[in-house]
Amino acid sequence: MLFSMKTFRNILFGVLLGSVTTMVVAQNVATERANHPRIAAAIRQLNDAIAYMEAAPHDFGGHKAAAIQASKAAIHDLNLALQYRAKEDRSK
């Protein structure tokens, strides 16, 4: 399938714009991590706890799977909180 030069240019522009937007958001989130070190530390500690639980030979009385799932959900929400702050700070 051959694209016209205009179509190719539009696709390339879209990809580049998406990449720049992703880099800006990532940079802003990194800034938010620096601005909120306790949240960043909590994410690191939760990731460490997940790795520990996943490697553990026991199931912590049947709570291992739920604890891993809840920890992953917490990490997700903390990252969303940082993304929100980054977006809010960028719009000011």
PDB file of N, CA and C in Angstrom:
ATOM      1  N   MET A   1       0.840  -1.173   0.000  1.00  0.00           N
ATOM      2  CA  MET A   1       0.000   0.000   0.000  1.00  0.00           C
ATOM      3  C   MET A   1       0.888   1.240   0.000  1.00  0.00           C
ATOM      4  N   LEU A   2       0.683   2.087  -0.938  1.00  0.00           N
ATOM      5  CA  LEU A   2       1.487   3.291  -1.053  1.00  0.00           C
ATOM      6  C   LEU A   2       0.720   4.483  -0.500  1.00  0.00           C
ATOM      7  N   PHE A   3       1.426   5.304   0.252  1.00  0.00           N
ATOM      8  CA  PHE A   3       0.836   6.520   0.801  1.00  0.00           C
ATOM      9  C   PHE A   3       1.278   7.690  -0.050  1.00  0.00           C
ATOM     10  N   SER A   4       0.400   8.688  -0.147  1.00  0.00           N
ATOM     11  CA  SER A   4       0.838   9.917  -0.795  1.00  0.00           C
ATOM     12  C   SER A   4       1.808  10.622   0.156  1.00  0.00           C
ATOM     13  N   MET A   5       2.567  11.528  -0.382  1.00  0.00           N
ATOM     14  CA  MET A   5       3.532  12.257   0.445  1.00  0.00           C
ATOM     15  C   MET A   5       2.809  13.035   1.536  1.00  0.00           C
ATOM     16  N   LYS A   6       1.645  13.601   1.235  1.00  0.00           N
ATOM     17  CA  LYS A   6       0.884  14.359   2.227  1.00  0.00           C
ATOM     18  C   LYS A   6       0.412  13.443   3.347  1.00  0.00           C
ATOM     19  N   THR A   7      -0.077  12.267   3.020  1.00  0.00           N
ATOM     20  CA  THR A   7      -0.531  11.309   4.028  1.00  0.00           C
ATOM     21  C   THR A   7       0.641  10.866   4.891  1.00  0.00           C
ATOM     22  N   PHE A   8       1.759  10.583   4.247  1.00  0.00           N
ATOM     23  CA  PHE A   8       2.951  10.176   4.991  1.00  0.00           C
ATOM     24  C   PHE A   8       3.391  11.282   5.945  1.00  0.00           C
ATOM     25  N   ARG A   9       3.393  12.519   5.461  1.00  0.00           N
ATOM     26  CA  ARG A   9       3.787  13.658   6.297  1.00  0.00           C
ATOM     27  C   ARG A   9       2.839  13.812   7.478  1.00  0.00           C
ATOM     28  N   ASN A  10       1.543  13.631   7.258  1.00  0.00           N
ATOM     29  CA  ASN A  10       0.566  13.749   8.344  1.00  0.00           C
ATOM     30  C   ASN A  10       0.745  12.634   9.387  1.00  0.00           C
ATOM     31  N   ILE A  11       1.031  11.443   8.920  1.00  0.00           N
ATOM     32  CA  ILE A  11       1.271  10.325   9.845  1.00  0.00           C
ATOM     33  C   ILE A  11       2.531  10.595  10.653  1.00  0.00           C
ATOM     34  N   LEU A  12       3.593  11.007   9.984  1.00  0.00           N
ATOM     35  CA  LEU A  12       4.845  11.303  10.664  1.00  0.00           C
ATOM     36  C   LEU A  12       4.663  12.419  11.685  1.00  0.00           C
ATOM     37  N   PHE A  13       3.932  13.459  11.318  1.00  0.00           N
ATOM     38  CA  PHE A  13       3.667  14.562  12.234  1.00  0.00           C
ATOM     39  C   PHE A  13       2.899  14.068  13.463  1.00  0.00           C
ATOM     40  N   GLY A  14       1.914  13.219  13.255  1.00  0.00           N
ATOM     41  CA  GLY A  14       1.148  12.668  14.369  1.00  0.00           C
ATOM     42  C   GLY A  14       2.007  11.850  15.316  1.00  0.00           C
ATOM     43  N   VAL A  15       2.875  11.038  14.750  1.00  0.00           N
ATOM     44  CA  VAL A  15       3.769  10.217  15.574  1.00  0.00           C
ATOM     45  C   VAL A  15       4.727  11.105  16.365  1.00  0.00           C
ATOM     46  N   LEU A  16       5.286  12.096  15.720  1.00  0.00           N
ATOM     47  CA  LEU A  16       6.223  13.000  16.405  1.00  0.00           C
ATOM     48  C   LEU A  16       5.518  13.805  17.493  1.00  0.00           C
ATOM     49  N   LEU A  17       4.321  14.288  17.209  1.00  0.00           N
ATOM     50  CA  LEU A  17       3.562  15.037  18.207  1.00  0.00           C
ATOM     51  C   LEU A  17       3.237  14.161  19.404  1.00  0.00           C
ATOM     52  N   GLY A  18       2.847  12.925  19.137  1.00  0.00           N
ATOM     53  CA  GLY A  18       2.570  11.987  20.228  1.00  0.00           C
ATOM     54  C   GLY A  18       3.809  11.711  21.062  1.00  0.00           C
ATOM     55  N   SER A  19       4.951  11.587  20.418  1.00  0.00           N
ATOM     56  CA  SER A  19       6.207  11.337  21.139  1.00  0.00           C
ATOM     57  C   SER A  19       6.588  12.520  22.006  1.00  0.00           C
ATOM     58  N   VAL A  20       6.452  13.723  21.471  1.00  0.00           N
ATOM     59  CA  VAL A  20       6.784  14.924  22.244  1.00  0.00           C
ATOM     60  C   VAL A  20       5.844  15.048  23.433  1.00  0.00           C
ATOM     61  N   THR A  21       4.559  14.809  23.225  1.00  0.00           N
ATOM     62  CA  THR A  21       3.589  14.879  24.317  1.00  0.00           C
ATOM     63  C   THR A  21       3.926  13.870  25.403  1.00  0.00           C
ATOM     64  N   THR A  22       4.275  12.664  25.007  1.00  0.00           N
ATOM     65  CA  THR A  22       4.648  11.624  25.971  1.00  0.00           C
ATOM     66  C   THR A  22       5.885  12.038  26.755  1.00  0.00           C
ATOM     67  N   MET A  23       6.881  12.634  26.083  1.00  0.00           N
ATOM     68  CA  MET A  23       8.096  13.065  26.772  1.00  0.00           C
ATOM     69  C   MET A  23       7.796  14.189  27.759  1.00  0.00           C
ATOM     70  N   VAL A  24       6.912  15.127  27.377  1.00  0.00           N
ATOM     71  CA  VAL A  24       6.571  16.236  28.260  1.00  0.00           C
ATOM     72  C   VAL A  24       5.853  15.723  29.495  1.00  0.00           C
ATOM     73  N   VAL A  25       4.895  14.811  29.311  1.00  0.00           N
ATOM     74  CA  VAL A  25       4.175  14.245  30.454  1.00  0.00           C
ATOM     75  C   VAL A  25       5.134  13.478  31.350  1.00  0.00           C
ATOM     76  N   ALA A  26       6.026  12.679  30.765  1.00  0.00           N
ATOM     77  CA  ALA A  26       6.998  11.922  31.560  1.00  0.00           C
ATOM     78  C   ALA A  26       7.912  12.863  32.335  1.00  0.00           C
ATOM     79  N   GLN A  27       8.339  13.943  31.702  1.00  0.00           N
ATOM     80  CA  GLN A  27       9.195  14.905  32.388  1.00  0.00           C
ATOM     81  C   GLN A  27       8.436  15.571  33.518  1.00  0.00           C
ATOM     82  N   ASN A  28       7.167  15.927  33.284  1.00  0.00           N
ATOM     83  CA  ASN A  28       6.368  16.553  34.322  1.00  0.00           C
ATOM     84  C   ASN A  28       6.110  15.598  35.475  1.00  0.00           C
ATOM     85  N   VAL A  29       5.875  14.317  35.177  1.00  0.00           N
ATOM     86  CA  VAL A  29       5.668  13.330  36.238  1.00  0.00           C
ATOM     87  C   VAL A  29       6.957  13.165  37.039  1.00  0.00           C
ATOM     88  N   ALA A  30       8.104  13.173  36.365  1.00  0.00           N
ATOM     89  CA  ALA A  30       9.380  13.084  37.077  1.00  0.00           C
ATOM     90  C   ALA A  30       9.550  14.284  38.004  1.00  0.00           C
ATOM     91  N   THR A  31       9.142  15.457  37.544  1.00  0.00           N
ATOM     92  CA  THR A  31       9.197  16.648  38.388  1.00  0.00           C
ATOM     93  C   THR A  31       8.266  16.491  39.578  1.00  0.00           C
ATOM     94  N   GLU A  32       7.076  15.954  39.347  1.00  0.00           N
ATOM     95  CA  GLU A  32       6.129  15.741  40.446  1.00  0.00           C
ATOM     96  C   GLU A  32       6.676  14.734  41.454  1.00  0.00           C
ATOM     97  N   ARG A  33       7.372  13.710  40.975  1.00  0.00           N
ATOM     98  CA  ARG A  33       7.996  12.756  41.904  1.00  0.00           C
ATOM     99  C   ARG A  33       9.001  13.480  42.794  1.00  0.00           C
ATOM    100  N   ALA A  34       9.753  14.401  42.206  1.00  0.00           N
ATOM    101  CA  ALA A  34      10.713  15.176  42.996  1.00  0.00           C
ATOM    102  C   ALA A  34       9.994  16.099  43.969  1.00  0.00           C
ATOM    103  N   ASN A  35       8.856  16.640  43.546  1.00  0.00           N
ATOM    104  CA  ASN A  35       8.087  17.541  44.408  1.00  0.00           C
ATOM    105  C   ASN A  35       7.341  16.799  45.516  1.00  0.00           C
ATOM    106  N   HIS A  36       7.092  15.525  45.315  1.00  0.00           N
ATOM    107  CA  HIS A  36       6.342  14.717  46.287  1.00  0.00           C
ATOM    108  C   HIS A  36       7.140  13.444  46.601  1.00  0.00           C
ATOM    109  N   PRO A  37       8.262  13.595  47.302  1.00  0.00           N
ATOM    110  CA  PRO A  37       9.158  12.455  47.522  1.00  0.00           C
ATOM    111  C   PRO A  37       8.524  11.318  48.327  1.00  0.00           C
ATOM    112  N   ARG A  38       7.561  11.606  49.176  1.00  0.00           N
ATOM    113  CA  ARG A  38       6.929  10.537  49.954  1.00  0.00           C
ATOM    114  C   ARG A  38       6.077   9.649  49.059  1.00  0.00           C
ATOM    115  N   ILE A  39       5.422  10.254  48.074  1.00  0.00           N
ATOM    116  CA  ILE A  39       4.643   9.442  47.132  1.00  0.00           C
ATOM    117  C   ILE A  39       5.587   8.593  46.287  1.00  0.00           C
ATOM    118  N   ALA A  40       6.676   9.194  45.819  1.00  0.00           N
ATOM    119  CA  ALA A  40       7.660   8.442  45.032  1.00  0.00           C
ATOM    120  C   ALA A  40       8.245   7.296  45.852  1.00  0.00           C
ATOM    121  N   ALA A  41       8.531   7.553  47.128  1.00  0.00           N
ATOM    122  CA  ALA A  41       9.067   6.498  48.001  1.00  0.00           C
ATOM    123  C   ALA A  41       8.038   5.399  48.219  1.00  0.00           C
ATOM    124  N   ALA A  42       6.779   5.775  48.360  1.00  0.00           N
ATOM    125  CA  ALA A  42       5.726   4.769  48.547  1.00  0.00           C
ATOM    126  C   ALA A  42       5.624   3.858  47.328  1.00  0.00           C
ATOM    127  N   ILE A  43       5.731   4.425  46.131  1.00  0.00           N
ATOM    128  CA  ILE A  43       5.684   3.619  44.908  1.00  0.00           C
ATOM    129  C   ILE A  43       6.857   2.641  44.883  1.00  0.00           C
ATOM    130  N   ARG A  44       8.055   3.121  45.211  1.00  0.00           N
ATOM    131  CA  ARG A  44       9.223   2.230  45.243  1.00  0.00           C
ATOM    132  C   ARG A  44       9.053   1.118  46.278  1.00  0.00           C
ATOM    133  N   GLN A  45       8.567   1.469  47.451  1.00  0.00           N
ATOM    134  CA  GLN A  45       8.389   0.483  48.508  1.00  0.00           C
ATOM    135  C   GLN A  45       7.303  -0.537  48.162  1.00  0.00           C
ATOM    136  N   LEU A  46       6.238  -0.078  47.539  1.00  0.00           N
ATOM    137  CA  LEU A  46       5.197  -1.018  47.112  1.00  0.00           C
ATOM    138  C   LEU A  46       5.732  -1.966  46.040  1.00  0.00           C
ATOM    139  N   ASN A  47       6.512  -1.448  45.098  1.00  0.00           N
ATOM    140  CA  ASN A  47       7.117  -2.325  44.084  1.00  0.00           C
ATOM    141  C   ASN A  47       8.037  -3.348  44.729  1.00  0.00           C
ATOM    142  N   ASP A  48       8.791  -2.928  45.736  1.00  0.00           N
ATOM    143  CA  ASP A  48       9.671  -3.838  46.459  1.00  0.00           C
ATOM    144  C   ASP A  48       8.853  -4.907  47.191  1.00  0.00           C
ATOM    145  N   ALA A  49       7.766  -4.496  47.821  1.00  0.00           N
ATOM    146  CA  ALA A  49       6.916  -5.453  48.539  1.00  0.00           C
ATOM    147  C   ALA A  49       6.289  -6.461  47.577  1.00  0.00           C
ATOM    148  N   ILE A  50       5.883  -6.001  46.401  1.00  0.00           N
ATOM    149  CA  ILE A  50       5.314  -6.914  45.396  1.00  0.00           C
ATOM    150  C   ILE A  50       6.361  -7.942  44.984  1.00  0.00           C
ATOM    151  N   ALA A  51       7.564  -7.482  44.684  1.00  0.00           N
ATOM    152  CA  ALA A  51       8.635  -8.405  44.278  1.00  0.00           C
ATOM    153  C   ALA A  51       8.917  -9.413  45.390  1.00  0.00           C
ATOM    154  N   TYR A  52       8.933  -8.946  46.631  1.00  0.00           N
ATOM    155  CA  TYR A  52       9.177  -9.834  47.767  1.00  0.00           C
ATOM    156  C   TYR A  52       8.074 -10.886  47.882  1.00  0.00           C
ATOM    157  N   MET A  53       6.836 -10.440  47.796  1.00  0.00           N
ATOM    158  CA  MET A  53       5.714 -11.387  47.922  1.00  0.00           C
ATOM    159  C   MET A  53       5.691 -12.380  46.761  1.00  0.00           C
ATOM    160  N   GLU A  54       5.954 -11.895  45.554  1.00  0.00           N
ATOM    161  CA  GLU A  54       5.941 -12.798  44.395  1.00  0.00           C
ATOM    162  C   GLU A  54       7.028 -13.858  44.508  1.00  0.00           C
ATOM    163  N   ALA A  55       8.153 -13.509  45.093  1.00  0.00           N
ATOM    164  CA  ALA A  55       9.262 -14.456  45.226  1.00  0.00           C
ATOM    165  C   ALA A  55       9.110 -15.355  46.450  1.00  0.00           C
ATOM    166  N   ALA A  56       8.235 -14.996  47.366  1.00  0.00           N
ATOM    167  CA  ALA A  56       8.089 -15.757  48.610  1.00  0.00           C
ATOM    168  C   ALA A  56       7.508 -17.146  48.334  1.00  0.00           C
ATOM    169  N   PRO A  57       8.010 -18.165  49.022  1.00  0.00           N
ATOM    170  CA  PRO A  57       7.516 -19.521  48.802  1.00  0.00           C
ATOM    171  C   PRO A  57       6.168 -19.794  49.491  1.00  0.00           C
ATOM    172  N   HIS A  58       5.730 -18.919  50.372  1.00  0.00           N
ATOM    173  CA  HIS A  58       4.464 -19.133  51.078  1.00  0.00           C
ATOM    174  C   HIS A  58       3.427 -18.113  50.611  1.00  0.00           C
ATOM    175  N   ASP A  59       2.167 -18.333  51.016  1.00  0.00           N
ATOM    176  CA  ASP A  59       1.093 -17.458  50.530  1.00  0.00           C
ATOM    177  C   ASP A  59       0.553 -16.497  51.587  1.00  0.00           C
ATOM    178  N   PHE A  60       1.305 -16.322  52.681  1.00  0.00           N
ATOM    179  CA  PHE A  60       0.938 -15.381  53.733  1.00  0.00           C
ATOM    180  C   PHE A  60      -0.489 -15.618  54.222  1.00  0.00           C
ATOM    181  N   GLY A  61      -0.784 -16.873  54.508  1.00  0.00           N
ATOM    182  CA  GLY A  61      -2.102 -17.225  55.051  1.00  0.00           C
ATOM    183  C   GLY A  61      -3.238 -16.996  54.075  1.00  0.00           C
ATOM    184  N   GLY A  62      -2.938 -17.084  52.804  1.00  0.00           N
ATOM    185  CA  GLY A  62      -3.968 -16.901  51.787  1.00  0.00           C
ATOM    186  C   GLY A  62      -4.169 -15.458  51.368  1.00  0.00           C
ATOM    187  N   HIS A  63      -3.354 -14.555  51.864  1.00  0.00           N
ATOM    188  CA  HIS A  63      -3.529 -13.131  51.565  1.00  0.00           C
ATOM    189  C   HIS A  63      -2.562 -12.600  50.506  1.00  0.00           C
ATOM    190  N   LYS A  64      -1.675 -13.441  50.040  1.00  0.00           N
ATOM    191  CA  LYS A  64      -0.630 -13.005  49.117  1.00  0.00           C
ATOM    192  C   LYS A  64      -1.203 -12.407  47.826  1.00  0.00           C
ATOM    193  N   ALA A  65      -2.080 -13.119  47.170  1.00  0.00           N
ATOM    194  CA  ALA A  65      -2.612 -12.653  45.885  1.00  0.00           C
ATOM    195  C   ALA A  65      -3.364 -11.331  46.039  1.00  0.00           C
ATOM    196  N   ALA A  66      -4.186 -11.248  47.082  1.00  0.00           N
ATOM    197  CA  ALA A  66      -4.950 -10.015  47.298  1.00  0.00           C
ATOM    198  C   ALA A  66      -4.024  -8.849  47.638  1.00  0.00           C
ATOM    199  N   ALA A  67      -2.979  -9.115  48.418  1.00  0.00           N
ATOM    200  CA  ALA A  67      -2.031  -8.063  48.787  1.00  0.00           C
ATOM    201  C   ALA A  67      -1.278  -7.562  47.556  1.00  0.00           C
ATOM    202  N   ILE A  68      -0.888  -8.472  46.687  1.00  0.00           N
ATOM    203  CA  ILE A  68      -0.195  -8.073  45.452  1.00  0.00           C
ATOM    204  C   ILE A  68      -1.128  -7.242  44.585  1.00  0.00           C
ATOM    205  N   GLN A  69      -2.358  -7.693  44.440  1.00  0.00           N
ATOM    206  CA  GLN A  69      -3.330  -6.964  43.616  1.00  0.00           C
ATOM    207  C   GLN A  69      -3.600  -5.570  44.195  1.00  0.00           C
ATOM    208  N   ALA A  70      -3.789  -5.472  45.504  1.00  0.00           N
ATOM    209  CA  ALA A  70      -4.045  -4.179  46.135  1.00  0.00           C
ATOM    210  C   ALA A  70      -2.835  -3.257  46.019  1.00  0.00           C
ATOM    211  N   SER A  71      -1.645  -3.817  46.128  1.00  0.00           N
ATOM    212  CA  SER A  71      -0.429  -3.014  45.998  1.00  0.00           C
ATOM    213  C   SER A  71      -0.288  -2.470  44.584  1.00  0.00           C
ATOM    214  N   LYS A  72      -0.577  -3.294  43.588  1.00  0.00           N
ATOM    215  CA  LYS A  72      -0.523  -2.830  42.197  1.00  0.00           C
ATOM    216  C   LYS A  72      -1.560  -1.742  41.947  1.00  0.00           C
ATOM    217  N   ALA A  73      -2.753  -1.898  42.536  1.00  0.00           N
ATOM    218  CA  ALA A  73      -3.795  -0.875  42.395  1.00  0.00           C
ATOM    219  C   ALA A  73      -3.357   0.431  43.061  1.00  0.00           C
ATOM    220  N   ALA A  74      -2.712   0.332  44.209  1.00  0.00           N
ATOM    221  CA  ALA A  74      -2.225   1.525  44.900  1.00  0.00           C
ATOM    222  C   ALA A  74      -1.170   2.242  44.068  1.00  0.00           C
ATOM    223  N   ILE A  75      -0.254   1.489  43.480  1.00  0.00           N
ATOM    224  CA  ILE A  75       0.776   2.080  42.618  1.00  0.00           C
ATOM    225  C   ILE A  75       0.122   2.798  41.444  1.00  0.00           C
ATOM    226  N   HIS A  76      -0.861   2.153  40.848  1.00  0.00           N
ATOM    227  CA  HIS A  76      -1.581   2.749  39.718  1.00  0.00           C
ATOM    228  C   HIS A  76      -2.212   4.079  40.131  1.00  0.00           C
ATOM    229  N   ASP A  77      -2.890   4.087  41.267  1.00  0.00           N
ATOM    230  CA  ASP A  77      -3.547   5.304  41.732  1.00  0.00           C
ATOM    231  C   ASP A  77      -2.544   6.393  42.104  1.00  0.00           C
ATOM    232  N   LEU A  78      -1.436   6.023  42.714  1.00  0.00           N
ATOM    233  CA  LEU A  78      -0.413   7.014  43.044  1.00  0.00           C
ATOM    234  C   LEU A  78       0.188   7.628  41.782  1.00  0.00           C
ATOM    235  N   ASN A  79       0.407   6.807  40.759  1.00  0.00           N
ATOM    236  CA  ASN A  79       0.905   7.343  39.490  1.00  0.00           C
ATOM    237  C   ASN A  79      -0.116   8.271  38.840  1.00  0.00           C
ATOM    238  N   LEU A  80      -1.396   7.914  38.924  1.00  0.00           N
ATOM    239  CA  LEU A  80      -2.443   8.797  38.399  1.00  0.00           C
ATOM    240  C   LEU A  80      -2.460  10.121  39.150  1.00  0.00           C
ATOM    241  N   ALA A  81      -2.244  10.072  40.458  1.00  0.00           N
ATOM    242  CA  ALA A  81      -2.200  11.299  41.254  1.00  0.00           C
ATOM    243  C   ALA A  81      -1.049  12.192  40.789  1.00  0.00           C
ATOM    244  N   LEU A  82       0.113  11.608  40.540  1.00  0.00           N
ATOM    245  CA  LEU A  82       1.250  12.387  40.054  1.00  0.00           C
ATOM    246  C   LEU A  82       0.984  12.950  38.661  1.00  0.00           C
ATOM    247  N   GLN A  83       0.347  12.156  37.805  1.00  0.00           N
ATOM    248  CA  GLN A  83       0.011  12.628  36.460  1.00  0.00           C
ATOM    249  C   GLN A  83      -0.972  13.803  36.538  1.00  0.00           C
ATOM    250  N   TYR A  84      -1.934  13.711  37.438  1.00  0.00           N
ATOM    251  CA  TYR A  84      -2.902  14.794  37.615  1.00  0.00           C
ATOM    252  C   TYR A  84      -2.190  16.074  38.044  1.00  0.00           C
ATOM    253  N   ARG A  85      -1.306  15.962  39.039  1.00  0.00           N
ATOM    254  CA  ARG A  85      -0.574  17.139  39.510  1.00  0.00           C
ATOM    255  C   ARG A  85       0.249  17.722  38.368  1.00  0.00           C
ATOM    256  N   ALA A  86       0.898  16.860  37.591  1.00  0.00           N
ATOM    257  CA  ALA A  86       1.711  17.337  36.477  1.00  0.00           C
ATOM    258  C   ALA A  86       0.856  18.094  35.476  1.00  0.00           C
ATOM    259  N   LYS A  87      -0.328  17.586  35.183  1.00  0.00           N
ATOM    260  CA  LYS A  87      -1.235  18.238  34.241  1.00  0.00           C
ATOM    261  C   LYS A  87      -1.717  19.567  34.809  1.00  0.00           C
ATOM    262  N   GLU A  88      -2.085  19.589  36.077  1.00  0.00           N
ATOM    263  CA  GLU A  88      -2.553  20.822  36.703  1.00  0.00           C
ATOM    264  C   GLU A  88      -1.449  21.881  36.749  1.00  0.00           C
ATOM    265  N   ASP A  89      -0.243  21.472  37.101  1.00  0.00           N
ATOM    266  CA  ASP A  89       0.867  22.412  37.164  1.00  0.00           C
ATOM    267  C   ASP A  89       1.222  22.951  35.799  1.00  0.00           C
ATOM    268  N   ARG A  90       1.067  22.140  34.780  1.00  0.00           N
ATOM    269  CA  ARG A  90       1.382  22.550  33.405  1.00  0.00           C
ATOM    270  C   ARG A  90       0.370  23.556  32.900  1.00  0.00           C
ATOM    271  N   SER A  91      -0.890  23.451  33.353  1.00  0.00           N
ATOM    272  CA  SER A  91      -1.941  24.336  32.840  1.00  0.00           C
ATOM    273  C   SER A  91      -1.955  25.704  33.518  1.00  0.00           C
ATOM    274  N   LYS A  92      -1.107  25.893  34.528  1.00  0.00           N
ATOM    275  CA  LYS A  92      -1.095  27.187  35.236  1.00  0.00           C
ATOM    276  C   LYS A  92      -0.114  28.138  34.631  1.00  0.00           C
TER     277      LYS A  92
END
